[in-house]
Amino acid sequence: MATKPVDFRKGHDGLAALVQSALAEDPFTGTVFVFRSKRADRMKILFWDDSGLVMAYKRLEESRFTWPTREWTKHGGRHR
């Protein structure tokens, strides 16, 4: 999960490149990667399904996504 907002103009290839460069992960393993927009009202999910990259997009009309802090994700999603 990316804890900082990303440029939402990025598509499949741009997000896959970001996974490799910023997160030092392989986007072609089936791992699900989640990204949010700066306003936190939009989210993109990227994963590999053995035949290609899949990208899902969600936009909230009247609210914002609650996003974990960097500290939270650094500990594997567990609060300490």
C-alpha atoms as a PDB file:
ATOM      1  CA  MET A   1       0.000   0.000   0.000  1.00  0.00           C
ATOM      2  CA  ALA A   2       1.412   3.345  -1.014  1.00  0.00           C
ATOM      3  CA  THR A   3       1.081   5.754   1.894  1.00  0.00           C
ATOM      4  CA  LYS A   4       1.698   8.891  -0.166  1.00  0.00           C
ATOM      5  CA  PRO A   5      -0.635  10.113  -2.920  1.00  0.00           C
ATOM      6  CA  VAL A   6       0.322   9.308  -6.521  1.00  0.00           C
ATOM      7  CA  ASP A   7      -0.209  11.109  -9.821  1.00  0.00           C
ATOM      8  CA  PHE A   8      -3.588   9.760 -10.909  1.00  0.00           C
ATOM      9  CA  ARG A   9      -2.791  10.328 -14.579  1.00  0.00           C
ATOM     10  CA  LYS A  10      -0.665   7.175 -14.353  1.00  0.00           C
ATOM     11  CA  GLY A  11      -2.115   4.082 -15.958  1.00  0.00           C
ATOM     12  CA  HIS A  12      -1.174   0.391 -15.755  1.00  0.00           C
ATOM     13  CA  ASP A  13       2.417   0.812 -16.919  1.00  0.00           C
ATOM     14  CA  GLY A  14       3.090   3.987 -14.929  1.00  0.00           C
ATOM     15  CA  LEU A  15       1.842   2.443 -11.693  1.00  0.00           C
ATOM     16  CA  ALA A  16       3.789  -0.778 -12.360  1.00  0.00           C
ATOM     17  CA  ALA A  17       6.944   1.311 -12.848  1.00  0.00           C
ATOM     18  CA  LEU A  18       6.189   3.143  -9.592  1.00  0.00           C
ATOM     19  CA  VAL A  19       5.822  -0.188  -7.764  1.00  0.00           C
ATOM     20  CA  GLN A  20       9.264  -1.201  -9.018  1.00  0.00           C
ATOM     21  CA  SER A  21      11.056   2.104  -8.394  1.00  0.00           C
ATOM     22  CA  ALA A  22       9.433   3.529  -5.252  1.00  0.00           C
ATOM     23  CA  LEU A  23       8.319   0.382  -3.449  1.00  0.00           C
ATOM     24  CA  ALA A  24      11.097  -1.948  -4.705  1.00  0.00           C
ATOM     25  CA  GLU A  25       8.498  -4.639  -5.409  1.00  0.00           C
ATOM     26  CA  ASP A  26       7.652  -6.774  -8.443  1.00  0.00           C
ATOM     27  CA  PRO A  27       4.201  -5.822  -9.830  1.00  0.00           C
ATOM     28  CA  PHE A  28       3.948  -9.119 -11.767  1.00  0.00           C
ATOM     29  CA  THR A  29       3.653 -11.508  -8.804  1.00  0.00           C
ATOM     30  CA  GLY A  30      -0.066 -11.243  -8.043  1.00  0.00           C
ATOM     31  CA  THR A  31       0.471  -8.927  -5.085  1.00  0.00           C
ATOM     32  CA  VAL A  32      -2.251  -6.274  -4.836  1.00  0.00           C
ATOM     33  CA  PHE A  33      -1.013  -2.660  -4.775  1.00  0.00           C
ATOM     34  CA  VAL A  34      -3.291   0.152  -3.610  1.00  0.00           C
ATOM     35  CA  PHE A  35      -2.806   3.836  -4.464  1.00  0.00           C
ATOM     36  CA  ARG A  36      -4.770   6.960  -3.523  1.00  0.00           C
ATOM     37  CA  SER A  37      -5.192  10.388  -5.014  1.00  0.00           C
ATOM     38  CA  LYS A  38      -4.055  13.593  -3.326  1.00  0.00           C
ATOM     39  CA  ARG A  39      -7.604  14.464  -2.183  1.00  0.00           C
ATOM     40  CA  ALA A  40      -8.110  10.878  -0.903  1.00  0.00           C
ATOM     41  CA  ASP A  41     -11.424  10.598  -2.733  1.00  0.00           C
ATOM     42  CA  ARG A  42     -10.034   8.226  -5.380  1.00  0.00           C
ATOM     43  CA  MET A  43      -8.255   4.907  -5.218  1.00  0.00           C
ATOM     44  CA  LYS A  44      -6.566   2.651  -7.786  1.00  0.00           C
ATOM     45  CA  ILE A  45      -5.807  -1.008  -7.254  1.00  0.00           C
ATOM     46  CA  LEU A  46      -3.212  -2.751  -9.421  1.00  0.00           C
ATOM     47  CA  PHE A  47      -2.424  -6.463  -9.639  1.00  0.00           C
ATOM     48  CA  TRP A  48      -1.225  -9.127 -12.070  1.00  0.00           C
ATOM     49  CA  ASP A  49      -3.690 -11.946 -12.872  1.00  0.00           C
ATOM     50  CA  ASP A  50      -1.354 -14.255 -14.899  1.00  0.00           C
ATOM     51  CA  SER A  51      -2.580 -12.802 -18.204  1.00  0.00           C
ATOM     52  CA  GLY A  52      -1.969  -9.078 -17.682  1.00  0.00           C
ATOM     53  CA  LEU A  53      -2.141  -6.140 -15.317  1.00  0.00           C
ATOM     54  CA  VAL A  54      -5.559  -5.359 -13.852  1.00  0.00           C
ATOM     55  CA  MET A  55      -6.360  -1.856 -12.623  1.00  0.00           C
ATOM     56  CA  ALA A  56      -9.506  -1.018 -10.677  1.00  0.00           C
ATOM     57  CA  TYR A  57     -10.564   2.559  -9.967  1.00  0.00           C
ATOM     58  CA  LYS A  58     -12.934   3.842  -7.279  1.00  0.00           C
ATOM     59  CA  ARG A  59     -14.158   7.417  -6.802  1.00  0.00           C
ATOM     60  CA  LEU A  60     -16.125   8.480  -3.730  1.00  0.00           C
ATOM     61  CA  GLU A  61     -18.743  11.154  -4.291  1.00  0.00           C
ATOM     62  CA  GLU A  62     -19.240  12.546  -0.787  1.00  0.00           C
ATOM     63  CA  SER A  63     -16.456  11.298   1.454  1.00  0.00           C
ATOM     64  CA  ARG A  64     -12.761  10.427   1.643  1.00  0.00           C
ATOM     65  CA  PHE A  65     -10.840   7.215   2.128  1.00  0.00           C
ATOM     66  CA  THR A  66      -9.184   6.814   5.517  1.00  0.00           C
ATOM     67  CA  TRP A  67      -5.576   5.970   4.799  1.00  0.00           C
ATOM     68  CA  PRO A  68      -3.087   4.298   7.147  1.00  0.00           C
ATOM     69  CA  THR A  69       0.018   6.179   8.161  1.00  0.00           C
ATOM     70  CA  ARG A  70       3.499   5.170   7.051  1.00  0.00           C
ATOM     71  CA  GLU A  71       4.202   3.914  10.580  1.00  0.00           C
ATOM     72  CA  TRP A  72       1.195   1.589  10.402  1.00  0.00           C
ATOM     73  CA  THR A  73       2.236  -0.010   7.096  1.00  0.00           C
ATOM     74  CA  LYS A  74       5.885  -0.291   8.164  1.00  0.00           C
ATOM     75  CA  HIS A  75       4.786  -2.794  10.820  1.00  0.00           C
ATOM     76  CA  GLY A  76       2.842  -4.990   8.421  1.00  0.00           C
ATOM     77  CA  GLY A  77      -0.526  -3.379   9.091  1.00  0.00           C
ATOM     78  CA  ARG A  78      -0.367  -3.836  12.841  1.00  0.00           C
ATOM     79  CA  HIS A  79      -0.756  -0.953  15.241  1.00  0.00           C
ATOM     80  CA  ARG A  80       2.057  -0.641  17.760  1.00  0.00           C
END
